[in-house]
């Protein structure tokens, strides 16, 4: 095939960065809270379904920020799940961007590493995958 006929592959695989998704309102950046109270070094972002889940668990409206107790509980679950990983699983999660699946109060949550805007952990539900 002639190289002039080949599609620009970068235009096919490049999407928005995670910072752009925060700006667009898809992710909520909870990094300051995660760093201050859980010593997490990477950026931490949650999706709308996670915000709704936390609000429901905290008996508040999704647009309110009254669910920080539930966020604290979720981050504790996540930190424990990461710390309980064996070396191979941690390497695959961190280096190869494998997804970590956890249960939080009967809700399935998934974690994935992202590096489009610096190292970050994205927390989402299976429906958002």
N, C-alpha and C. Protein backbone atom coordinates (compact mmCIF):
# COMPACT_ATOMS: atom_id res chain seq x y z
N UNK A 1 0.84 -1.17 0.00
CA UNK A 1 0.00 0.00 0.00
C UNK A 1 0.89 1.24 0.00
N UNK A 2 0.57 2.18 -0.77
CA UNK A 2 1.27 3.44 -0.86
C UNK A 2 1.05 4.22 0.44
N UNK A 3 2.11 4.80 1.01
CA UNK A 3 1.98 5.52 2.28
C UNK A 3 1.04 6.71 2.16
N UNK A 4 0.88 7.25 0.96
CA UNK A 4 -0.05 8.36 0.78
C UNK A 4 -1.50 7.91 0.92
N UNK A 5 -1.75 6.63 0.76
CA UNK A 5 -3.09 6.09 0.88
C UNK A 5 -3.43 5.64 2.30
N UNK A 6 -2.42 5.53 3.16
CA UNK A 6 -2.63 5.04 4.53
C UNK A 6 -3.33 6.11 5.37
N UNK A 7 -4.28 5.70 6.18
CA UNK A 7 -4.94 6.68 7.05
C UNK A 7 -3.99 7.16 8.14
N UNK A 8 -4.23 8.32 8.63
CA UNK A 8 -3.45 8.86 9.73
C UNK A 8 -3.89 8.13 10.99
N UNK A 9 -3.12 7.16 11.44
CA UNK A 9 -3.50 6.32 12.57
C UNK A 9 -3.62 7.10 13.87
N UNK A 10 -2.82 8.14 14.02
CA UNK A 10 -2.92 8.93 15.24
C UNK A 10 -4.28 9.60 15.38
N UNK A 11 -4.87 9.98 14.29
CA UNK A 11 -6.18 10.62 14.38
C UNK A 11 -7.25 9.61 14.77
N UNK A 12 -6.98 8.34 14.60
CA UNK A 12 -7.93 7.30 14.96
C UNK A 12 -7.87 6.99 16.45
N UNK A 13 -6.68 6.99 17.04
CA UNK A 13 -6.54 6.54 18.42
C UNK A 13 -6.43 7.66 19.45
N UNK A 14 -6.30 8.89 19.03
CA UNK A 14 -6.15 9.99 19.98
C UNK A 14 -7.52 10.50 20.38
N UNK A 15 -7.74 10.61 21.67
CA UNK A 15 -9.00 11.15 22.18
C UNK A 15 -8.69 12.25 23.16
N UNK A 16 -9.69 12.68 23.89
CA UNK A 16 -9.46 13.74 24.87
C UNK A 16 -8.57 13.26 26.02
N UNK A 17 -7.82 14.17 26.57
CA UNK A 17 -7.02 13.84 27.75
C UNK A 17 -7.92 13.83 28.97
N UNK A 18 -7.44 13.27 30.05
CA UNK A 18 -8.26 13.25 31.26
C UNK A 18 -8.47 14.66 31.81
N UNK A 19 -7.51 15.56 31.63
CA UNK A 19 -7.72 16.96 32.05
C UNK A 19 -8.87 17.59 31.26
N UNK A 20 -8.93 17.29 29.95
CA UNK A 20 -10.02 17.82 29.13
C UNK A 20 -11.36 17.24 29.56
N UNK A 21 -11.37 15.98 29.98
CA UNK A 21 -12.61 15.36 30.45
C UNK A 21 -13.07 15.97 31.78
N UNK A 22 -12.13 16.42 32.60
CA UNK A 22 -12.49 17.15 33.82
C UNK A 22 -13.12 18.49 33.44
N UNK A 23 -12.48 19.19 32.50
CA UNK A 23 -13.01 20.48 32.04
C UNK A 23 -14.41 20.34 31.44
N UNK A 24 -14.64 19.23 30.74
CA UNK A 24 -15.95 18.99 30.12
C UNK A 24 -17.00 18.49 31.11
N UNK A 25 -16.58 18.22 32.34
CA UNK A 25 -17.53 17.78 33.36
C UNK A 25 -17.74 16.29 33.43
N UNK A 26 -17.00 15.51 32.64
CA UNK A 26 -17.18 14.06 32.70
C UNK A 26 -16.57 13.49 33.97
N UNK A 27 -15.36 13.93 34.30
CA UNK A 27 -14.72 13.50 35.54
C UNK A 27 -14.84 14.60 36.58
N UNK A 28 -14.94 14.21 37.84
CA UNK A 28 -14.79 15.12 38.96
C UNK A 28 -13.44 14.84 39.57
N UNK A 29 -12.62 15.85 39.67
CA UNK A 29 -11.27 15.70 40.22
C UNK A 29 -11.35 15.78 41.74
N UNK A 30 -11.03 14.69 42.43
CA UNK A 30 -11.04 14.66 43.89
C UNK A 30 -9.62 14.52 44.44
N UNK A 31 -8.65 14.92 43.62
CA UNK A 31 -7.24 14.78 43.98
C UNK A 31 -6.87 15.49 45.28
N UNK A 32 -7.27 16.76 45.48
CA UNK A 32 -6.87 17.41 46.74
C UNK A 32 -7.32 16.62 47.98
N UNK A 33 -8.54 16.11 47.96
CA UNK A 33 -9.07 15.33 49.07
C UNK A 33 -8.29 14.01 49.21
N UNK A 34 -8.05 13.33 48.09
CA UNK A 34 -7.34 12.05 48.11
C UNK A 34 -5.90 12.21 48.62
N UNK A 35 -5.26 13.30 48.24
CA UNK A 35 -3.89 13.55 48.70
C UNK A 35 -3.87 13.90 50.18
N UNK A 36 -4.77 14.78 50.60
CA UNK A 36 -4.77 15.26 51.97
C UNK A 36 -5.12 14.17 52.98
N UNK A 37 -6.13 13.38 52.66
CA UNK A 37 -6.63 12.43 53.65
C UNK A 37 -6.20 10.98 53.41
N UNK A 38 -5.65 10.68 52.23
CA UNK A 38 -5.27 9.30 51.93
C UNK A 38 -3.86 9.17 51.38
N UNK A 39 -3.11 10.24 51.36
CA UNK A 39 -1.72 10.24 50.89
C UNK A 39 -1.56 9.64 49.49
N UNK A 40 -2.57 9.78 48.65
CA UNK A 40 -2.47 9.29 47.28
C UNK A 40 -1.64 10.28 46.48
N UNK A 41 -0.71 9.78 45.71
CA UNK A 41 0.20 10.66 44.97
C UNK A 41 -0.27 10.95 43.55
N UNK A 42 -1.04 10.05 42.96
CA UNK A 42 -1.56 10.28 41.61
C UNK A 42 -2.83 11.11 41.68
N UNK A 43 -3.20 11.68 40.55
CA UNK A 43 -4.49 12.38 40.46
C UNK A 43 -5.59 11.33 40.61
N UNK A 44 -6.69 11.72 41.23
CA UNK A 44 -7.81 10.80 41.42
C UNK A 44 -9.06 11.47 40.86
N UNK A 45 -9.72 10.75 39.97
CA UNK A 45 -10.91 11.31 39.31
C UNK A 45 -12.04 10.30 39.38
N UNK A 46 -13.25 10.81 39.59
CA UNK A 46 -14.43 9.95 39.63
C UNK A 46 -15.39 10.36 38.53
N UNK A 47 -16.20 9.42 38.10
CA UNK A 47 -17.16 9.65 37.02
C UNK A 47 -18.52 10.01 37.61
N UNK A 48 -19.46 10.45 36.74
CA UNK A 48 -20.80 10.82 37.23
C UNK A 48 -21.51 9.70 37.98
N UNK A 49 -21.41 8.45 37.51
CA UNK A 49 -22.08 7.36 38.21
C UNK A 49 -21.51 7.15 39.61
N UNK A 50 -20.22 7.37 39.77
CA UNK A 50 -19.62 7.25 41.11
C UNK A 50 -20.13 8.38 42.00
N UNK A 51 -20.22 9.59 41.46
CA UNK A 51 -20.77 10.71 42.24
C UNK A 51 -22.19 10.40 42.69
N UNK A 52 -23.01 9.87 41.79
CA UNK A 52 -24.39 9.53 42.12
C UNK A 52 -24.43 8.43 43.19
N UNK A 53 -23.58 7.41 43.03
CA UNK A 53 -23.51 6.33 44.00
C UNK A 53 -23.15 6.86 45.39
N UNK A 54 -22.15 7.74 45.45
CA UNK A 54 -21.71 8.30 46.73
C UNK A 54 -22.81 9.15 47.36
N UNK A 55 -23.51 9.92 46.52
CA UNK A 55 -24.61 10.75 47.02
C UNK A 55 -25.73 9.87 47.59
N UNK A 56 -26.06 8.80 46.89
CA UNK A 56 -27.11 7.90 47.37
C UNK A 56 -26.70 7.23 48.68
N UNK A 57 -25.46 6.78 48.76
CA UNK A 57 -24.97 6.16 50.00
C UNK A 57 -24.95 7.16 51.14
N UNK A 58 -24.70 8.45 50.82
CA UNK A 58 -24.65 9.49 51.84
C UNK A 58 -25.98 10.19 52.06
N UNK A 59 -27.03 9.70 51.39
CA UNK A 59 -28.37 10.27 51.52
C UNK A 59 -28.41 11.76 51.19
N UNK A 60 -27.77 12.14 50.09
CA UNK A 60 -27.80 13.53 49.65
C UNK A 60 -28.09 13.57 48.15
N UNK A 61 -28.26 14.75 47.64
CA UNK A 61 -28.48 14.94 46.21
C UNK A 61 -27.13 14.85 45.48
N UNK A 62 -27.10 14.30 44.25
CA UNK A 62 -25.84 14.14 43.53
C UNK A 62 -25.08 15.44 43.31
N UNK A 63 -25.79 16.57 43.15
CA UNK A 63 -25.09 17.83 42.89
C UNK A 63 -24.49 18.44 44.17
N UNK A 64 -24.91 17.95 45.33
CA UNK A 64 -24.35 18.44 46.58
C UNK A 64 -23.00 17.78 46.85
N UNK A 65 -22.19 18.42 47.64
CA UNK A 65 -20.89 17.85 47.98
C UNK A 65 -20.94 17.33 49.42
N UNK A 66 -22.05 16.75 49.78
CA UNK A 66 -22.25 16.23 51.13
C UNK A 66 -21.82 14.78 51.23
N UNK A 67 -21.26 14.25 50.15
CA UNK A 67 -20.94 12.83 50.16
C UNK A 67 -19.45 12.56 50.44
N UNK A 68 -18.77 13.52 51.06
CA UNK A 68 -17.35 13.31 51.31
C UNK A 68 -17.07 12.20 52.31
N UNK A 69 -17.99 11.93 53.24
CA UNK A 69 -17.80 10.77 54.12
C UNK A 69 -17.80 9.50 53.29
N UNK A 70 -18.69 9.43 52.31
CA UNK A 70 -18.73 8.25 51.44
C UNK A 70 -17.51 8.19 50.52
N UNK A 71 -17.03 9.35 50.06
CA UNK A 71 -15.81 9.38 49.27
C UNK A 71 -14.65 8.86 50.10
N UNK A 72 -14.60 9.26 51.35
CA UNK A 72 -13.56 8.79 52.25
C UNK A 72 -13.61 7.27 52.38
N UNK A 73 -14.81 6.74 52.54
CA UNK A 73 -14.98 5.30 52.65
C UNK A 73 -14.56 4.60 51.36
N UNK A 74 -14.95 5.15 50.21
CA UNK A 74 -14.57 4.58 48.92
C UNK A 74 -13.06 4.59 48.73
N UNK A 75 -12.42 5.71 49.05
CA UNK A 75 -10.96 5.79 48.89
C UNK A 75 -10.24 4.83 49.83
N UNK A 76 -10.81 4.59 51.00
CA UNK A 76 -10.24 3.60 51.92
C UNK A 76 -10.33 2.21 51.30
N UNK A 77 -11.48 1.89 50.70
CA UNK A 77 -11.65 0.60 50.02
C UNK A 77 -10.64 0.46 48.88
N UNK A 78 -10.49 1.52 48.09
CA UNK A 78 -9.58 1.49 46.95
C UNK A 78 -8.14 1.33 47.39
N UNK A 79 -7.77 2.11 48.38
CA UNK A 79 -6.38 2.02 48.87
C UNK A 79 -6.10 0.61 49.39
N UNK A 80 -7.06 0.03 50.11
CA UNK A 80 -6.89 -1.34 50.60
C UNK A 80 -6.78 -2.34 49.47
N UNK A 81 -7.61 -2.16 48.43
CA UNK A 81 -7.55 -3.05 47.27
C UNK A 81 -6.22 -2.98 46.55
N UNK A 82 -5.68 -1.80 46.42
CA UNK A 82 -4.38 -1.64 45.77
C UNK A 82 -3.28 -2.24 46.63
N UNK A 83 -3.34 -2.01 47.93
CA UNK A 83 -2.30 -2.53 48.82
C UNK A 83 -2.34 -4.06 48.92
N UNK A 84 -3.52 -4.65 48.69
CA UNK A 84 -3.66 -6.10 48.77
C UNK A 84 -3.23 -6.81 47.49
N UNK A 85 -2.92 -6.06 46.44
CA UNK A 85 -2.51 -6.68 45.17
C UNK A 85 -1.15 -7.33 45.31
N UNK A 86 -0.99 -8.48 44.64
CA UNK A 86 0.35 -9.07 44.62
C UNK A 86 1.20 -8.28 43.63
N UNK A 87 2.49 -8.54 43.63
CA UNK A 87 3.41 -7.74 42.81
C UNK A 87 3.07 -7.77 41.33
N UNK A 88 2.72 -8.96 40.81
CA UNK A 88 2.41 -9.06 39.38
C UNK A 88 1.14 -8.28 39.03
N UNK A 89 0.12 -8.42 39.87
CA UNK A 89 -1.12 -7.68 39.60
C UNK A 89 -0.90 -6.18 39.67
N UNK A 90 -0.10 -5.73 40.64
CA UNK A 90 0.18 -4.30 40.77
C UNK A 90 0.94 -3.79 39.56
N UNK A 91 1.93 -4.59 39.11
CA UNK A 91 2.70 -4.19 37.92
C UNK A 91 1.78 -4.09 36.71
N UNK A 92 0.89 -5.06 36.54
CA UNK A 92 -0.04 -5.03 35.41
C UNK A 92 -1.00 -3.86 35.51
N UNK A 93 -1.44 -3.54 36.72
CA UNK A 93 -2.35 -2.42 36.92
C UNK A 93 -1.65 -1.10 36.60
N UNK A 94 -0.46 -0.93 37.13
CA UNK A 94 0.25 0.34 36.99
C UNK A 94 0.90 0.50 35.61
N UNK A 95 1.63 -0.53 35.18
CA UNK A 95 2.39 -0.41 33.94
C UNK A 95 1.55 -0.66 32.70
N UNK A 96 0.69 -1.67 32.75
CA UNK A 96 -0.06 -2.06 31.55
C UNK A 96 -1.50 -1.56 31.57
N UNK A 97 -1.84 -0.77 32.56
CA UNK A 97 -3.15 -0.11 32.65
C UNK A 97 -4.31 -1.10 32.73
N UNK A 98 -4.07 -2.24 33.38
CA UNK A 98 -5.17 -3.18 33.60
C UNK A 98 -6.18 -2.57 34.55
N UNK A 99 -7.40 -3.03 34.48
CA UNK A 99 -8.46 -2.53 35.33
C UNK A 99 -8.53 -3.35 36.61
N UNK A 100 -8.71 -2.67 37.72
CA UNK A 100 -8.90 -3.33 39.02
C UNK A 100 -10.37 -3.22 39.37
N UNK A 101 -10.98 -4.36 39.69
CA UNK A 101 -12.40 -4.38 40.04
C UNK A 101 -12.54 -4.63 41.53
N UNK A 102 -13.34 -3.78 42.18
CA UNK A 102 -13.55 -3.89 43.63
C UNK A 102 -15.02 -3.78 43.96
N UNK A 103 -15.38 -4.24 45.13
CA UNK A 103 -16.73 -4.05 45.66
C UNK A 103 -16.66 -2.98 46.75
N UNK A 104 -17.60 -2.05 46.69
CA UNK A 104 -17.71 -1.04 47.74
C UNK A 104 -19.17 -0.99 48.16
N UNK A 105 -19.45 -1.50 49.35
CA UNK A 105 -20.81 -1.51 49.90
C UNK A 105 -21.80 -2.07 48.88
N UNK A 106 -21.52 -3.25 48.38
CA UNK A 106 -22.37 -3.95 47.41
C UNK A 106 -22.43 -3.30 46.03
N UNK A 107 -21.58 -2.33 45.77
CA UNK A 107 -21.50 -1.70 44.45
C UNK A 107 -20.18 -2.07 43.81
N UNK A 108 -20.24 -2.46 42.55
CA UNK A 108 -19.01 -2.77 41.84
C UNK A 108 -18.40 -1.48 41.31
N UNK A 109 -17.14 -1.25 41.62
CA UNK A 109 -16.41 -0.09 41.10
C UNK A 109 -15.14 -0.59 40.42
N UNK A 110 -14.75 0.11 39.40
CA UNK A 110 -13.55 -0.24 38.65
C UNK A 110 -12.57 0.91 38.74
N UNK A 111 -11.29 0.55 38.71
CA UNK A 111 -10.20 1.52 38.70
C UNK A 111 -9.35 1.28 37.47
N UNK A 112 -8.86 2.35 36.89
CA UNK A 112 -7.93 2.24 35.78
C UNK A 112 -6.92 3.37 35.89
N UNK A 113 -5.69 3.07 35.53
CA UNK A 113 -4.65 4.09 35.48
C UNK A 113 -4.75 4.81 34.15
N UNK A 114 -4.40 6.07 34.16
CA UNK A 114 -4.40 6.88 32.94
C UNK A 114 -3.18 7.78 32.99
N UNK A 115 -2.59 8.03 31.85
CA UNK A 115 -1.41 8.90 31.82
C UNK A 115 -1.54 10.01 30.79
N UNK A 116 -2.75 10.30 30.33
CA UNK A 116 -2.91 11.33 29.30
C UNK A 116 -2.67 12.73 29.83
N UNK A 117 -2.81 12.91 31.14
CA UNK A 117 -2.56 14.22 31.77
C UNK A 117 -1.77 14.01 33.06
N UNK A 118 -0.73 13.25 32.98
CA UNK A 118 0.01 12.87 34.19
C UNK A 118 -0.65 11.63 34.77
N UNK A 119 0.06 10.96 35.67
CA UNK A 119 -0.48 9.74 36.25
C UNK A 119 -1.75 10.04 37.04
N UNK A 120 -2.79 9.28 36.75
CA UNK A 120 -4.04 9.45 37.47
C UNK A 120 -4.76 8.12 37.56
N UNK A 121 -5.62 8.03 38.56
CA UNK A 121 -6.47 6.87 38.76
C UNK A 121 -7.90 7.32 38.49
N UNK A 122 -8.58 6.59 37.63
CA UNK A 122 -9.98 6.88 37.32
C UNK A 122 -10.84 5.83 38.00
N UNK A 123 -11.87 6.29 38.68
CA UNK A 123 -12.80 5.42 39.38
C UNK A 123 -14.13 5.52 38.66
N UNK A 124 -14.67 4.38 38.23
CA UNK A 124 -15.89 4.39 37.42
C UNK A 124 -16.68 3.12 37.68
N UNK A 125 -17.89 3.08 37.13
CA UNK A 125 -18.72 1.89 37.26
C UNK A 125 -18.60 1.06 35.99
N UNK A 126 -18.95 -0.23 36.06
CA UNK A 126 -18.89 -1.05 34.84
C UNK A 126 -19.75 -0.48 33.71
N UNK A 127 -20.86 0.17 34.03
CA UNK A 127 -21.72 0.74 32.99
C UNK A 127 -21.03 1.86 32.22
N UNK A 128 -20.01 2.46 32.81
CA UNK A 128 -19.30 3.58 32.15
C UNK A 128 -18.07 3.11 31.38
N UNK A 129 -17.81 1.81 31.38
CA UNK A 129 -16.63 1.28 30.70
C UNK A 129 -16.77 1.40 29.22
